[in-house]
């Protein structure tokens, strides 16, 4: 999707978070998966049939356009999306493990929570 809509080629670093809402839009469930990508190029070429605009922004710029939940999101970022962006930049990732697939040579991916941090045992 990223390459199709922006021309930016990227590789998957990992899964950052997932959000689920049920019965919100069109009375359907909505599963939103946020992934962290590493861009292989930074030249954006917008597909006008897919996007109106796309640009690189610093975290400071993103923070400057955050609005509260009761404001219009036109050209802005919600507080919840800022939390997800900050986690993508500075948080831990959901671990992905390639598993053999009984349906062919391509592996299937299993995503699990990161193990808890280890702490020295109390003596």
Foldseek 3Di string as FASTA:
>chain_A
DCCVFWVWDWDFPAWQDWDWDALDPPRHIDIDTDTAIDTPDQHTDGDVVVDPDDDDDDLVVLVVQEDEPVDDCVVHDYPVVNVSVVSSVPNDHFDWDFDQDPVDRGTDIDTHHDDDDDDDDDD
